[in-house]
Amino acid sequence: MKNYFAAILCIIFLAMASGCTTIYGTAVDERNVRTISSDAKIKALLLDAFLQDDTVKTFDISKYCYYGHVYLIGVYDTKKQKKRAVELARNIEGVKNVTAYLLQKKESDPCGTTDNIAMTAKVKAKLVKDGDIWSTNIDIKTVQCNIVLCGVVGSKKEMQKVIAHAKSVPGARSVKSFLKVAPRHNQ
């Protein structure tokens, strides 16, 4: 059953990567189509690797990829799980680098799932309202009330605005940014 689920997810991701995404999504992405496709393939392969592995808890860790750089964001139970997640990501063909923002699960943390979801929603709402930001290129994950941003923006000014919006969310313990300015804008 695990293999069947993994195969279906891989097919969905590969279909998205091969051009079945919306034209709008591709048009507003700072990456070119080849890079988008390559990143989607890496994410699909990583998801499959996580599903096949008995150590890593697949749904505790979100997986993102931009320009071949994998970001693992979430929680883990044991250091062995954390180490294995990073190892699996590094072994995927096409991965150039791996960044892990993984926090150990806390039994008595007053910040729960509802708080994390609410904070993520607040950041997304602020980005959508801001006409200067293409929020479709930005992934937001809140872990134990720590807001984590990753993705691609068009300029340093845009990056600063995204970070400022995230920092303005009440209750956020911290904001960690892995945002990158698209290469063509780095000159």
N, C-alpha and C. Protein backbone atom coordinates (compact mmCIF):
# COMPACT_ATOMS: atom_id res chain seq x y z
N MET A 1 0.83 -1.19 0.00
CA MET A 1 0.00 0.00 0.00
C MET A 1 0.87 1.26 0.00
N LYS A 2 1.99 1.20 0.76
CA LYS A 2 2.89 2.34 0.84
C LYS A 2 3.47 2.66 -0.55
N ASN A 3 3.85 1.63 -1.30
CA ASN A 3 4.41 1.83 -2.64
C ASN A 3 3.37 2.41 -3.59
N TYR A 4 2.14 1.96 -3.48
CA TYR A 4 1.06 2.45 -4.33
C TYR A 4 0.84 3.94 -4.10
N PHE A 5 0.79 4.35 -2.83
CA PHE A 5 0.61 5.75 -2.47
C PHE A 5 1.77 6.59 -3.01
N ALA A 6 2.98 6.09 -2.84
CA ALA A 6 4.17 6.80 -3.31
C ALA A 6 4.15 6.96 -4.82
N ALA A 7 3.74 5.94 -5.52
CA ALA A 7 3.69 6.00 -6.98
C ALA A 7 2.69 7.04 -7.45
N ILE A 8 1.54 7.08 -6.81
CA ILE A 8 0.52 8.06 -7.19
C ILE A 8 1.02 9.49 -6.94
N LEU A 9 1.64 9.72 -5.80
CA LEU A 9 2.17 11.05 -5.51
C LEU A 9 3.26 11.45 -6.49
N CYS A 10 4.12 10.51 -6.83
CA CYS A 10 5.18 10.81 -7.80
C CYS A 10 4.59 11.17 -9.16
N ILE A 11 3.58 10.46 -9.57
CA ILE A 11 2.94 10.75 -10.86
C ILE A 11 2.33 12.14 -10.85
N ILE A 12 1.68 12.50 -9.75
CA ILE A 12 1.08 13.82 -9.64
C ILE A 12 2.15 14.91 -9.73
N PHE A 13 3.24 14.74 -8.96
CA PHE A 13 4.30 15.74 -8.99
C PHE A 13 4.97 15.82 -10.36
N LEU A 14 5.21 14.69 -10.98
CA LEU A 14 5.84 14.70 -12.30
C LEU A 14 4.92 15.31 -13.35
N ALA A 15 3.63 15.07 -13.22
CA ALA A 15 2.67 15.68 -14.15
C ALA A 15 2.70 17.20 -13.99
N MET A 16 2.77 17.65 -12.75
CA MET A 16 2.85 19.08 -12.51
C MET A 16 4.14 19.65 -13.08
N ALA A 17 5.21 18.92 -12.91
CA ALA A 17 6.52 19.39 -13.36
C ALA A 17 6.61 19.43 -14.88
N SER A 18 5.88 18.57 -15.55
CA SER A 18 6.00 18.49 -17.00
C SER A 18 5.08 19.45 -17.73
N GLY A 19 4.45 20.36 -17.01
CA GLY A 19 3.67 21.37 -17.71
C GLY A 19 2.19 21.34 -17.39
N CYS A 20 1.76 20.50 -16.51
CA CYS A 20 0.35 20.44 -16.16
C CYS A 20 0.00 21.44 -15.08
N THR A 21 0.94 22.30 -14.69
CA THR A 21 0.62 23.35 -13.74
C THR A 21 -0.09 24.46 -14.49
N THR A 22 -0.59 25.42 -13.75
CA THR A 22 -1.30 26.51 -14.41
C THR A 22 -0.32 27.40 -15.16
N ILE A 23 -0.81 28.00 -16.20
CA ILE A 23 0.01 28.94 -16.96
C ILE A 23 0.36 30.12 -16.07
N TYR A 24 -0.59 30.54 -15.23
CA TYR A 24 -0.33 31.65 -14.32
C TYR A 24 0.82 31.33 -13.38
N GLY A 25 0.80 30.15 -12.79
CA GLY A 25 1.86 29.75 -11.86
C GLY A 25 3.23 29.79 -12.49
N THR A 26 3.32 29.34 -13.71
CA THR A 26 4.60 29.34 -14.43
C THR A 26 4.99 30.76 -14.82
N ALA A 27 4.01 31.56 -15.21
CA ALA A 27 4.29 32.92 -15.66
C ALA A 27 4.82 33.81 -14.55
N VAL A 28 4.34 33.63 -13.33
CA VAL A 28 4.76 34.51 -12.24
C VAL A 28 5.94 33.95 -11.45
N ASP A 29 6.35 32.75 -11.74
CA ASP A 29 7.49 32.16 -11.03
C ASP A 29 8.77 32.81 -11.54
N GLU A 30 9.67 33.12 -10.62
CA GLU A 30 10.94 33.76 -10.98
C GLU A 30 11.89 32.78 -11.69
N ARG A 31 11.63 31.48 -11.57
CA ARG A 31 12.48 30.46 -12.20
C ARG A 31 12.00 30.18 -13.61
N ASN A 32 12.91 29.69 -14.46
CA ASN A 32 12.49 29.30 -15.80
C ASN A 32 11.82 27.93 -15.75
N VAL A 33 11.16 27.54 -16.81
CA VAL A 33 10.38 26.30 -16.83
C VAL A 33 11.26 25.08 -16.58
N ARG A 34 12.45 25.07 -17.13
CA ARG A 34 13.36 23.93 -16.92
C ARG A 34 13.71 23.78 -15.43
N THR A 35 13.97 24.89 -14.77
CA THR A 35 14.31 24.86 -13.34
C THR A 35 13.10 24.43 -12.52
N ILE A 36 11.94 24.96 -12.84
CA ILE A 36 10.72 24.57 -12.14
C ILE A 36 10.51 23.06 -12.25
N SER A 37 10.69 22.53 -13.45
CA SER A 37 10.51 21.10 -13.69
C SER A 37 11.55 20.27 -12.91
N SER A 38 12.79 20.72 -12.94
CA SER A 38 13.85 20.01 -12.22
C SER A 38 13.59 20.01 -10.72
N ASP A 39 13.18 21.15 -10.18
CA ASP A 39 12.88 21.24 -8.76
C ASP A 39 11.69 20.35 -8.37
N ALA A 40 10.68 20.32 -9.21
CA ALA A 40 9.51 19.47 -8.94
C ALA A 40 9.90 17.99 -8.97
N LYS A 41 10.78 17.63 -9.89
CA LYS A 41 11.24 16.24 -9.96
C LYS A 41 12.00 15.86 -8.69
N ILE A 42 12.85 16.76 -8.21
CA ILE A 42 13.60 16.51 -6.98
C ILE A 42 12.63 16.32 -5.82
N LYS A 43 11.62 17.18 -5.72
CA LYS A 43 10.64 17.06 -4.64
C LYS A 43 9.91 15.73 -4.71
N ALA A 44 9.55 15.31 -5.91
CA ALA A 44 8.84 14.03 -6.07
C ALA A 44 9.74 12.86 -5.66
N LEU A 45 10.99 12.89 -6.08
CA LEU A 45 11.93 11.83 -5.71
C LEU A 45 12.18 11.82 -4.20
N LEU A 46 12.25 12.99 -3.62
CA LEU A 46 12.46 13.09 -2.18
C LEU A 46 11.24 12.56 -1.42
N LEU A 47 10.06 12.90 -1.87
CA LEU A 47 8.86 12.39 -1.24
C LEU A 47 8.83 10.86 -1.31
N ASP A 48 9.17 10.33 -2.46
CA ASP A 48 9.20 8.88 -2.61
C ASP A 48 10.24 8.26 -1.66
N ALA A 49 11.41 8.88 -1.57
CA ALA A 49 12.45 8.37 -0.66
C ALA A 49 11.98 8.39 0.79
N PHE A 50 11.29 9.44 1.18
CA PHE A 50 10.76 9.53 2.54
C PHE A 50 9.70 8.45 2.77
N LEU A 51 8.85 8.25 1.79
CA LEU A 51 7.78 7.24 1.93
C LEU A 51 8.35 5.83 2.03
N GLN A 52 9.44 5.58 1.35
CA GLN A 52 10.06 4.25 1.36
C GLN A 52 10.88 3.99 2.62
N ASP A 53 11.20 5.05 3.34
CA ASP A 53 12.08 4.92 4.50
C ASP A 53 11.27 4.67 5.77
N ASP A 54 11.77 3.77 6.61
CA ASP A 54 11.08 3.44 7.85
C ASP A 54 11.46 4.34 9.02
N THR A 55 12.50 5.13 8.87
CA THR A 55 12.97 5.98 9.96
C THR A 55 12.27 7.34 9.97
N VAL A 56 12.18 7.96 8.82
CA VAL A 56 11.64 9.32 8.70
C VAL A 56 10.11 9.29 8.71
N LYS A 57 9.52 10.23 9.42
CA LYS A 57 8.07 10.40 9.39
C LYS A 57 7.75 11.41 8.30
N THR A 58 7.27 10.92 7.18
CA THR A 58 7.08 11.71 5.97
C THR A 58 6.32 13.00 6.18
N PHE A 59 5.24 12.96 6.93
CA PHE A 59 4.37 14.11 7.02
C PHE A 59 4.74 15.09 8.13
N ASP A 60 5.81 14.83 8.87
CA ASP A 60 6.30 15.77 9.88
C ASP A 60 7.26 16.78 9.27
N ILE A 61 7.72 16.51 8.05
CA ILE A 61 8.73 17.36 7.42
C ILE A 61 8.23 17.80 6.05
N SER A 62 8.14 19.12 5.87
CA SER A 62 7.78 19.66 4.56
C SER A 62 9.05 19.76 3.71
N LYS A 63 8.88 19.51 2.43
CA LYS A 63 10.00 19.48 1.51
C LYS A 63 9.81 20.54 0.43
N TYR A 64 10.81 21.39 0.25
CA TYR A 64 10.76 22.44 -0.76
C TYR A 64 12.05 22.36 -1.57
N CYS A 65 12.01 22.82 -2.81
CA CYS A 65 13.21 22.82 -3.64
C CYS A 65 13.20 24.03 -4.57
N TYR A 66 14.29 24.76 -4.54
CA TYR A 66 14.48 25.92 -5.43
C TYR A 66 15.89 25.86 -5.97
N TYR A 67 16.01 25.83 -7.29
CA TYR A 67 17.32 25.79 -7.97
C TYR A 67 18.17 24.61 -7.49
N GLY A 68 17.54 23.49 -7.20
CA GLY A 68 18.28 22.31 -6.75
C GLY A 68 18.65 22.32 -5.28
N HIS A 69 18.28 23.37 -4.59
CA HIS A 69 18.55 23.49 -3.15
C HIS A 69 17.31 23.01 -2.40
N VAL A 70 17.46 21.96 -1.62
CA VAL A 70 16.35 21.37 -0.88
C VAL A 70 16.28 22.00 0.52
N TYR A 71 15.06 22.30 0.94
CA TYR A 71 14.79 22.82 2.28
C TYR A 71 13.87 21.83 2.98
N LEU A 72 14.29 21.34 4.13
CA LEU A 72 13.49 20.44 4.94
C LEU A 72 13.05 21.23 6.18
N ILE A 73 11.75 21.38 6.36
CA ILE A 73 11.23 22.21 7.43
C ILE A 73 10.17 21.43 8.19
N GLY A 74 10.35 21.31 9.50
CA GLY A 74 9.35 20.59 10.28
C GLY A 74 9.88 20.14 11.62
N VAL A 75 9.38 19.00 12.07
CA VAL A 75 9.74 18.47 13.39
C VAL A 75 10.20 17.02 13.27
N TYR A 76 10.90 16.57 14.32
CA TYR A 76 11.37 15.19 14.37
C TYR A 76 11.25 14.69 15.80
N ASP A 77 11.19 13.37 15.95
CA ASP A 77 11.14 12.75 17.28
C ASP A 77 12.54 12.47 17.80
N THR A 78 13.39 11.90 16.93
CA THR A 78 14.73 11.49 17.36
C THR A 78 15.78 12.11 16.43
N LYS A 79 17.00 12.24 16.95
CA LYS A 79 18.08 12.77 16.12
C LYS A 79 18.36 11.87 14.93
N LYS A 80 18.09 10.58 15.10
CA LYS A 80 18.27 9.63 14.01
C LYS A 80 17.33 9.98 12.84
N GLN A 81 16.10 10.39 13.14
CA GLN A 81 15.16 10.79 12.09
C GLN A 81 15.66 12.04 11.37
N LYS A 82 16.13 13.01 12.12
CA LYS A 82 16.65 14.24 11.53
C LYS A 82 17.83 13.95 10.60
N LYS A 83 18.76 13.18 11.11
CA LYS A 83 19.95 12.83 10.32
C LYS A 83 19.57 12.06 9.05
N ARG A 84 18.63 11.14 9.19
CA ARG A 84 18.20 10.34 8.03
C ARG A 84 17.50 11.19 6.98
N ALA A 85 16.69 12.14 7.42
CA ALA A 85 15.99 13.02 6.46
C ALA A 85 16.98 13.80 5.61
N VAL A 86 18.00 14.34 6.25
CA VAL A 86 19.03 15.10 5.53
C VAL A 86 19.81 14.18 4.60
N GLU A 87 20.13 12.99 5.08
CA GLU A 87 20.86 12.01 4.27
C GLU A 87 20.07 11.63 3.01
N LEU A 88 18.78 11.37 3.18
CA LEU A 88 17.94 11.02 2.03
C LEU A 88 17.92 12.16 1.01
N ALA A 89 17.80 13.39 1.50
CA ALA A 89 17.76 14.54 0.59
C ALA A 89 19.07 14.68 -0.18
N ARG A 90 20.18 14.50 0.51
CA ARG A 90 21.48 14.65 -0.15
C ARG A 90 21.72 13.59 -1.22
N ASN A 91 21.07 12.44 -1.09
CA ASN A 91 21.27 11.35 -2.04
C ASN A 91 20.38 11.43 -3.28
N ILE A 92 19.53 12.44 -3.37
CA ILE A 92 18.66 12.59 -4.53
C ILE A 92 19.46 13.22 -5.67
N GLU A 93 19.36 12.62 -6.84
CA GLU A 93 20.06 13.15 -8.01
C GLU A 93 19.58 14.57 -8.32
N GLY A 94 20.52 15.47 -8.54
CA GLY A 94 20.20 16.85 -8.88
C GLY A 94 20.21 17.80 -7.69
N VAL A 95 20.27 17.27 -6.47
CA VAL A 95 20.30 18.12 -5.29
C VAL A 95 21.69 18.74 -5.14
N LYS A 96 21.72 20.06 -5.06
CA LYS A 96 22.98 20.77 -4.93
C LYS A 96 23.33 21.05 -3.48
N ASN A 97 22.30 21.25 -2.66
CA ASN A 97 22.53 21.59 -1.26
C ASN A 97 21.27 21.26 -0.47
N VAL A 98 21.43 21.04 0.83
CA VAL A 98 20.29 20.74 1.70
C VAL A 98 20.37 21.65 2.92
N THR A 99 19.27 22.32 3.22
CA THR A 99 19.15 23.13 4.42
C THR A 99 18.02 22.54 5.24
N ALA A 100 18.30 22.26 6.50
CA ALA A 100 17.29 21.68 7.38
C ALA A 100 16.95 22.65 8.50
N TYR A 101 15.68 22.96 8.61
CA TYR A 101 15.16 23.70 9.76
C TYR A 101 14.20 22.73 10.44
N LEU A 102 14.77 21.90 11.28
CA LEU A 102 14.01 20.83 11.93
C LEU A 102 14.14 20.98 13.44
N LEU A 103 13.00 21.06 14.12
CA LEU A 103 12.97 21.21 15.57
C LEU A 103 12.48 19.92 16.20
N GLN A 104 13.05 19.59 17.34
CA GLN A 104 12.61 18.39 18.04
C GLN A 104 11.21 18.63 18.61
N LYS A 105 10.36 17.62 18.50
CA LYS A 105 8.99 17.73 19.02
C LYS A 105 9.04 17.97 20.52
N LYS A 106 8.10 18.81 20.98
CA LYS A 106 7.99 19.11 22.41
C LYS A 106 6.62 18.65 22.88
N GLU A 107 6.61 17.87 23.93
CA GLU A 107 5.36 17.34 24.47
C GLU A 107 4.45 18.43 25.03
N SER A 108 5.02 19.38 25.76
CA SER A 108 4.20 20.35 26.47
C SER A 108 4.30 21.76 25.88
N ASP A 109 4.54 21.88 24.60
CA ASP A 109 4.65 23.18 23.96
C ASP A 109 3.27 23.83 23.88
N PRO A 110 3.12 25.05 24.39
CA PRO A 110 1.81 25.72 24.31
C PRO A 110 1.43 26.11 22.88
N CYS A 111 2.38 26.11 21.99
CA CYS A 111 2.09 26.41 20.58
C CYS A 111 1.69 25.12 19.89
N GLY A 112 0.46 25.05 19.45
CA GLY A 112 -0.03 23.84 18.82
C GLY A 112 -0.27 24.00 17.33
N THR A 113 -0.82 22.98 16.74
CA THR A 113 -1.08 22.95 15.30
C THR A 113 -1.98 24.11 14.87
N THR A 114 -3.00 24.39 15.66
CA THR A 114 -3.92 25.48 15.32
C THR A 114 -3.19 26.82 15.28
N ASP A 115 -2.30 27.05 16.24
CA ASP A 115 -1.51 28.29 16.26
C ASP A 115 -0.63 28.39 15.01
N ASN A 116 0.03 27.28 14.66
CA ASN A 116 0.90 27.26 13.48
C ASN A 116 0.12 27.56 12.21
N ILE A 117 -1.03 26.94 12.06
CA ILE A 117 -1.86 27.15 10.87
C ILE A 117 -2.35 28.60 10.81
N ALA A 118 -2.76 29.14 11.95
CA ALA A 118 -3.26 30.52 11.99
C ALA A 118 -2.16 31.51 11.61
N MET A 119 -0.95 31.30 12.12
CA MET A 119 0.16 32.20 11.79
C MET A 119 0.51 32.13 10.32
N THR A 120 0.55 30.93 9.77
CA THR A 120 0.83 30.78 8.34
C THR A 120 -0.22 31.51 7.52
N ALA A 121 -1.48 31.35 7.89
CA ALA A 121 -2.57 32.01 7.17
C ALA A 121 -2.46 33.53 7.25
N LYS A 122 -2.06 34.04 8.40
CA LYS A 122 -1.91 35.49 8.55
C LYS A 122 -0.80 36.03 7.66
N VAL A 123 0.30 35.31 7.59
CA VAL A 123 1.39 35.76 6.71
C VAL A 123 0.93 35.73 5.25
N LYS A 124 0.29 34.64 4.86
CA LYS A 124 -0.19 34.53 3.48
C LYS A 124 -1.16 35.65 3.14
N ALA A 125 -2.07 35.98 4.06
CA ALA A 125 -3.03 37.05 3.82
C ALA A 125 -2.32 38.39 3.63
N LYS A 126 -1.31 38.65 4.44
CA LYS A 126 -0.55 39.90 4.31
C LYS A 126 0.17 39.97 2.96
N LEU A 127 0.71 38.85 2.51
CA LEU A 127 1.43 38.83 1.23
C LEU A 127 0.47 39.03 0.06
N VAL A 128 -0.70 38.41 0.14
CA VAL A 128 -1.68 38.55 -0.94
C VAL A 128 -2.16 40.00 -1.03
N LYS A 129 -2.32 40.65 0.10
CA LYS A 129 -2.79 42.04 0.10
C LYS A 129 -1.74 43.00 -0.43
N ASP A 130 -0.47 42.64 -0.32
CA ASP A 130 0.62 43.50 -0.76
C ASP A 130 0.81 43.35 -2.26
N GLY A 131 0.45 44.37 -2.99
CA GLY A 131 0.52 44.32 -4.45
C GLY A 131 1.93 44.28 -5.03
N ASP A 132 2.93 44.52 -4.20
CA ASP A 132 4.32 44.52 -4.67
C ASP A 132 4.99 43.16 -4.58
N ILE A 133 4.27 42.17 -4.04
CA ILE A 133 4.88 40.86 -3.80
C ILE A 133 4.17 39.78 -4.61
N TRP A 134 4.97 38.95 -5.30
CA TRP A 134 4.44 37.78 -6.00
C TRP A 134 4.49 36.61 -5.02
N SER A 135 3.45 36.46 -4.24
CA SER A 135 3.48 35.48 -3.15
C SER A 135 3.39 34.04 -3.63
N THR A 136 3.14 33.82 -4.93
CA THR A 136 3.08 32.44 -5.43
C THR A 136 4.44 31.76 -5.40
N ASN A 137 5.51 32.52 -5.30
CA ASN A 137 6.86 31.96 -5.28
C ASN A 137 7.39 31.75 -3.87
N ILE A 138 6.54 31.96 -2.87
CA ILE A 138 7.00 31.93 -1.48
C ILE A 138 6.25 30.83 -0.73
N ASP A 139 7.02 29.99 -0.05
CA ASP A 139 6.43 28.96 0.81
C ASP A 139 6.60 29.40 2.25
N ILE A 140 5.53 29.21 3.02
CA ILE A 140 5.54 29.60 4.43
C ILE A 140 5.19 28.38 5.25
N LYS A 141 6.00 28.09 6.24
CA LYS A 141 5.75 26.97 7.14
C LYS A 141 5.98 27.49 8.55
N THR A 142 5.04 27.24 9.44
CA THR A 142 5.20 27.64 10.83
C THR A 142 5.40 26.38 11.66
N VAL A 143 6.50 26.36 12.40
CA VAL A 143 6.88 25.22 13.22
C VAL A 143 7.06 25.69 14.65
N GLN A 144 6.25 25.18 15.56
CA GLN A 144 6.33 25.56 16.97
C GLN A 144 6.32 27.09 17.14
N CYS A 145 5.44 27.74 16.38
CA CYS A 145 5.25 29.20 16.38
C CYS A 145 6.46 29.97 15.84
N ASN A 146 7.34 29.30 15.11
CA ASN A 146 8.46 29.94 14.41
C ASN A 146 8.10 29.95 12.93
N ILE A 147 8.03 31.13 12.34
CA ILE A 147 7.65 31.25 10.93
C ILE A 147 8.90 31.08 10.07
N VAL A 148 8.81 30.19 9.09
CA VAL A 148 9.93 29.91 8.20
C VAL A 148 9.49 30.25 6.77
N LEU A 149 10.30 31.03 6.09
CA LEU A 149 10.03 31.46 4.73
C LEU A 149 11.07 30.87 3.79
N CYS A 150 10.62 30.33 2.68
CA CYS A 150 11.56 29.93 1.64
C CYS A 150 10.91 30.17 0.29
N GLY A 151 11.74 30.34 -0.70
CA GLY A 151 11.23 30.60 -2.03
C GLY A 151 12.10 31.59 -2.77
N VAL A 152 11.53 32.11 -3.84
CA VAL A 152 12.27 33.00 -4.73
C VAL A 152 11.50 34.30 -4.88
N VAL A 153 12.21 35.41 -4.70
CA VAL A 153 11.61 36.73 -4.87
C VAL A 153 12.36 37.48 -5.96
N GLY A 154 11.78 38.57 -6.42
CA GLY A 154 12.36 39.32 -7.53
C GLY A 154 13.42 40.32 -7.14
N SER A 155 13.44 40.74 -5.86
CA SER A 155 14.41 41.75 -5.44
C SER A 155 14.65 41.69 -3.94
N LYS A 156 15.72 42.36 -3.50
CA LYS A 156 16.00 42.43 -2.07
C LYS A 156 14.90 43.21 -1.35
N LYS A 157 14.37 44.22 -2.01
CA LYS A 157 13.29 45.02 -1.42
C LYS A 157 12.07 44.14 -1.17
N GLU A 158 11.73 43.30 -2.13
CA GLU A 158 10.61 42.37 -1.98
C GLU A 158 10.88 41.41 -0.82
N MET A 159 12.10 40.91 -0.72
CA MET A 159 12.46 40.00 0.36
C MET A 159 12.27 40.67 1.72
N GLN A 160 12.74 41.90 1.84
CA GLN A 160 12.61 42.63 3.10
C GLN A 160 11.15 42.84 3.48
N LYS A 161 10.30 43.10 2.49
CA LYS A 161 8.88 43.30 2.77
C LYS A 161 8.23 42.00 3.24
N VAL A 162 8.59 40.88 2.63
CA VAL A 162 8.04 39.58 3.04
C VAL A 162 8.43 39.29 4.49
N ILE A 163 9.69 39.50 4.82
CA ILE A 163 10.17 39.26 6.18
C ILE A 163 9.45 40.18 7.17
N ALA A 164 9.28 41.44 6.80
CA ALA A 164 8.59 42.39 7.68
C ALA A 164 7.14 41.95 7.93
N HIS A 165 6.46 41.48 6.89
CA HIS A 165 5.09 40.99 7.06
C HIS A 165 5.07 39.82 8.04
N ALA A 166 6.01 38.90 7.89
CA ALA A 166 6.04 37.73 8.78
C ALA A 166 6.33 38.16 10.22
N LYS A 167 7.24 39.10 10.41
CA LYS A 167 7.59 39.55 11.75
C LYS A 167 6.44 40.29 12.43
N SER A 168 5.49 40.80 11.64
CA SER A 168 4.37 41.55 12.22
C SER A 168 3.24 40.65 12.73
N VAL A 169 3.37 39.36 12.55
CA VAL A 169 2.33 38.43 13.00
C VAL A 169 2.44 38.23 14.51
N PRO A 170 1.36 38.53 15.23
CA PRO A 170 1.38 38.36 16.69
C PRO A 170 1.60 36.90 17.09
N GLY A 171 2.42 36.70 18.13
CA GLY A 171 2.65 35.36 18.65
C GLY A 171 3.81 34.62 18.03
N ALA A 172 4.36 35.15 16.95
CA ALA A 172 5.49 34.48 16.30
C ALA A 172 6.72 34.56 17.20
N ARG A 173 7.32 33.42 17.46
CA ARG A 173 8.52 33.38 18.30
C ARG A 173 9.73 33.90 17.54
N SER A 174 9.78 33.59 16.26
CA SER A 174 10.89 34.04 15.42
C SER A 174 10.46 33.94 13.96
N VAL A 175 11.26 34.56 13.11
CA VAL A 175 11.08 34.45 11.66
C VAL A 175 12.42 34.06 11.08
N LYS A 176 12.43 32.95 10.35
CA LYS A 176 13.65 32.48 9.69
C LYS A 176 13.42 32.58 8.19
N SER A 177 14.29 33.27 7.50
CA SER A 177 14.12 33.44 6.06
C SER A 177 15.20 32.68 5.29
N PHE A 178 14.73 31.83 4.37
CA PHE A 178 15.59 31.17 3.41
C PHE A 178 15.26 31.70 2.01
N LEU A 179 14.67 32.89 1.94
CA LEU A 179 14.30 33.49 0.66
C LEU A 179 15.56 33.83 -0.13
N LYS A 180 15.48 33.66 -1.43
CA LYS A 180 16.57 33.99 -2.33
C LYS A 180 16.06 34.93 -3.42
N VAL A 181 16.90 35.84 -3.83
CA VAL A 181 16.57 36.70 -4.96
C VAL A 181 16.90 35.92 -6.23
N ALA A 182 15.98 35.93 -7.17
CA ALA A 182 16.18 35.21 -8.43
C ALA A 182 17.50 35.63 -9.06
N PRO A 183 18.28 34.67 -9.61
CA PRO A 183 19.60 34.96 -10.15
C PRO A 183 19.65 36.12 -11.13
N ARG A 184 18.67 36.24 -11.98
CA ARG A 184 18.73 37.32 -12.97
C ARG A 184 18.59 38.70 -12.32
N HIS A 185 18.15 38.74 -11.06
CA HIS A 185 18.00 40.01 -10.35
C HIS A 185 19.18 40.28 -9.42
N ASN A 186 20.12 39.40 -9.35
CA ASN A 186 21.25 39.55 -8.43
C ASN A 186 22.36 40.46 -8.96
N GLN A 187 22.27 40.93 -10.13
CA GLN A 187 23.38 41.69 -10.73
C GLN A 187 23.49 43.08 -10.18
